Amino acid sequence: MGYSIDDKVKVLKKSPAACAVITEYSPGFETDPQMKLVGGLTFRKLASFPQAGLTEEQVAEIDEKLKAIEE
């Protein structure tokens, strides 16, 4: 199936494999209570906020790894 950074955060949080990929780059993804507030955003949009602390290269790597997930 695969995922991408264009999937909503709430969809990605339901997948343990997707959470593991994102947590490599953003350790609070699974545990931060504020993630509930941004569930309706795509990961691309969330990553665009300066508070995310992710570079364009990191976002591209995350997207590549998400697309490789087979569930």
Protein backbone atom coordinates (compact mmCIF):
# COMPACT_ATOMS: atom_id res chain seq x y z
CA MET A 1 0.00 0.00 0.00
CA GLY A 2 2.48 2.60 1.15
CA TYR A 3 1.95 6.01 2.61
CA SER A 4 3.28 9.45 1.78
CA ILE A 5 3.77 12.87 3.31
CA ASP A 6 0.50 13.83 1.63
CA ASP A 7 -1.43 11.56 4.00
CA LYS A 8 -3.10 13.12 7.01
CA VAL A 9 -1.30 12.88 10.34
CA LYS A 10 -4.22 10.93 11.87
CA VAL A 11 -3.89 8.28 9.13
CA LEU A 12 -0.13 7.98 9.62
CA LYS A 13 -0.52 7.68 13.41
CA LYS A 14 -2.67 4.56 12.92
CA SER A 15 0.22 2.74 11.26
CA PRO A 16 2.97 1.48 13.58
CA ALA A 17 5.37 1.32 10.62
CA ALA A 18 4.64 4.90 9.56
CA CYS A 19 5.00 6.11 13.15
CA ALA A 20 8.37 4.37 13.40
CA VAL A 21 9.62 6.13 10.26
CA ILE A 22 8.49 9.58 11.39
CA THR A 23 9.71 9.04 14.97
CA GLU A 24 13.25 8.53 13.61
CA TYR A 25 13.21 12.18 12.57
CA SER A 26 10.71 13.62 15.03
CA PRO A 27 10.83 11.74 18.36
CA GLY A 28 7.64 13.26 19.78
CA PHE A 29 5.41 12.20 16.89
CA GLU A 30 3.82 9.28 18.74
CA THR A 31 3.77 10.73 22.24
CA ASP A 32 3.19 14.48 21.95
CA PRO A 33 -0.44 15.26 22.92
CA GLN A 34 -0.43 18.20 20.49
CA MET A 35 -0.38 15.73 17.59
CA LYS A 36 -4.12 15.27 18.19
CA LEU A 37 -4.61 18.92 17.28
CA VAL A 38 -2.93 18.52 13.88
CA GLY A 39 -4.48 15.20 12.89
CA GLY A 40 -6.39 16.79 10.02
CA LEU A 41 -3.25 18.23 8.42
CA THR A 42 -1.13 16.37 5.92
CA PHE A 43 2.34 15.50 7.12
CA ARG A 44 3.70 17.75 4.35
CA LYS A 45 1.83 20.73 5.86
CA LEU A 46 2.90 19.84 9.41
CA ALA A 47 6.53 19.52 8.31
CA SER A 48 6.39 22.97 6.71
CA PHE A 49 6.00 24.65 10.10
CA PRO A 50 9.31 25.89 11.57
CA GLN A 51 8.45 24.19 14.88
CA ALA A 52 8.70 20.80 13.15
CA GLY A 53 12.45 21.33 12.79
CA LEU A 54 12.68 19.24 9.62
CA THR A 55 14.75 20.08 6.57
CA GLU A 56 13.47 19.57 3.02
CA GLU A 57 15.93 16.70 2.69
CA GLN A 58 14.59 15.01 5.81
CA VAL A 59 11.01 15.40 4.59
CA ALA A 60 12.01 13.82 1.26
CA GLU A 61 13.65 10.90 3.10
CA ILE A 62 10.54 10.42 5.23
CA ASP A 63 8.37 10.42 2.11
CA GLU A 64 10.60 7.82 0.46
CA LYS A 65 10.48 5.56 3.51
CA LEU A 66 6.71 5.97 3.91
CA LYS A 67 6.16 4.98 0.28
CA ALA A 68 8.18 1.80 0.86
CA ILE A 69 5.89 0.57 3.66
CA GLU A 70 3.90 -2.52 2.76
CA GLU A 71 1.00 -3.21 5.11
